[in-house]
Protein backbone atom coordinates (compact mmCIF):
# COMPACT_ATOMS: atom_id res chain seq x y z
CA MET A 1 32.92 355.50 176.89
CA THR A 2 31.52 357.56 174.33
CA ILE A 3 34.94 359.45 174.77
CA GLU A 4 36.41 356.76 174.37
CA ILE A 5 34.53 355.24 171.27
CA ALA A 6 35.32 358.53 169.95
CA LEU A 7 38.92 358.40 170.48
CA LEU A 8 38.85 354.67 168.93
CA LEU A 9 37.43 356.39 166.20
CA SER A 10 39.97 359.03 165.30
CA ILE A 11 43.28 356.60 166.30
CA ILE A 12 41.84 354.43 163.94
CA SER A 13 41.25 356.97 161.55
CA VAL A 14 44.76 358.42 161.49
CA GLY A 15 45.91 355.27 161.23
CA PHE A 16 44.23 354.25 158.25
CA GLY A 17 45.38 357.79 157.09
CA VAL A 18 49.05 356.87 157.57
CA PHE A 19 48.54 353.88 155.87
CA SER A 20 46.98 355.08 152.62
CA ALA A 21 49.97 357.70 152.83
CA VAL A 22 52.12 354.76 152.90
CA SER A 23 50.90 353.13 150.75
CA SER A 24 50.10 356.39 148.40
CA LYS A 25 53.71 357.14 148.20
CA MET A 26 54.73 353.38 148.34
CA ARG A 27 53.06 353.17 144.81
CA ASN A 28 54.16 356.20 143.48
CA ASP A 29 57.82 355.79 144.10
CA ARG A 30 57.53 352.37 141.98
CA LYS A 31 55.88 354.16 138.94
CA ASP A 32 58.36 356.94 139.18
CA THR A 33 60.93 353.76 139.00
CA GLU A 34 59.36 352.34 136.26
CA SER A 35 58.96 355.11 133.97
CA GLU A 36 62.26 356.32 134.76
CA ALA A 37 63.57 352.60 133.73
CA GLU A 38 61.30 353.18 130.63
CA GLU A 39 62.92 356.29 129.50
CA LYS A 40 66.38 354.76 130.50
CA ALA A 41 65.59 351.86 127.81
CA GLY A 42 64.31 354.39 125.25
CA THR A 43 67.25 356.16 125.26
CA HIS A 44 70.03 353.28 125.29
CA THR A 45 67.89 351.82 122.17
CA LEU A 46 67.95 355.68 120.50
CA LEU A 47 71.90 355.82 121.56
CA MET A 48 72.80 352.41 119.90
CA THR A 49 71.06 353.41 116.98
CA LYS A 50 72.95 356.32 116.21
CA LEU A 51 75.99 354.65 117.14
CA GLU A 52 75.62 352.08 114.98
CA ASN A 53 75.03 354.74 111.82
CA ILE A 54 77.80 356.05 112.76
CA ALA A 55 79.79 352.87 112.83
CA ASP A 56 78.07 352.19 108.84
CA ASP A 57 78.85 355.49 108.30
CA VAL A 58 82.74 355.35 109.14
CA LYS A 59 82.58 352.32 107.11
CA ASP A 60 81.67 353.72 104.04
CA ILE A 61 84.46 356.44 104.45
CA LYS A 62 86.71 353.81 105.09
CA ARG A 63 85.48 351.72 101.50
CA ASP A 64 85.43 355.11 99.35
CA TYR A 65 89.10 355.82 101.05
CA ARG A 66 90.58 352.90 99.73
CA GLU A 67 88.44 352.95 96.05
CA THR A 68 89.98 356.05 96.14
CA ASN A 69 93.32 355.16 97.02
CA ILE A 70 93.18 352.57 94.27
CA GLU A 71 92.25 355.00 91.95
CA VAL A 72 95.21 357.43 92.62
CA GLN A 73 97.45 354.45 92.20
CA ASN A 74 96.01 353.77 88.88
CA LEU A 75 96.59 357.06 87.90
CA ARG A 76 100.02 356.96 88.95
CA GLU A 77 100.88 353.99 86.96
CA ARG A 78 98.89 355.50 83.83
CA VAL A 79 101.17 358.92 84.60
CA VAL A 80 104.89 356.82 84.47
CA ALA A 81 103.60 355.04 81.38
CA VAL A 82 102.83 358.58 79.42
CA GLU A 83 106.04 359.61 80.68
CA GLN A 84 107.95 357.02 79.69
CA SER A 85 106.39 357.33 76.64
CA LEU A 86 106.73 360.80 76.22
CA LYS A 87 110.30 360.25 76.62
CA SER A 88 110.79 357.63 74.60
CA TYR A 89 108.79 360.77 71.83
CA HIS A 90 111.66 362.95 72.85
CA LYS A 91 113.88 360.72 71.98
CA ARG A 92 112.96 359.99 68.79
CA LEU A 93 112.25 363.60 67.84
CA ASP A 94 115.50 364.60 68.99
CA GLY A 95 116.86 361.95 66.33
CA LYS A 96 115.24 362.60 63.62
CA THR A 97 115.81 366.97 64.39
CA ASP A 98 120.11 366.07 64.24
CA GLN A 99 119.68 363.93 60.77
C-alpha cells in the first residue's frame, strides 16, 4: 500500500508539474502577443506621424512652388513692360539723332 501511495503522489506531482508548465507557457505566449501588439501599435503610430509630417512638408513645398511661379510670372510681365518702354525710348532717341 505504501508503494501505491508513493506512486499516486508521484503521478499527482508529475500531473501538477505538467499543468504548471502548460499554464506558464500559455500565460507567457499571451503576454508576448500583447507586448508585440503594443509594439506594433507604437510603430504604426510613429509611422503615421512621420507620414503626416511628410504630407505637410509636401503641401508647404507645393504652396511655395505656386508662389514662386506667381512671382516669376509677375517678373516676366515687368520685363516685357521694361522692354517695350526701352524700345519706345530707343525710337525716340533714334528720332532725335536723325534731325
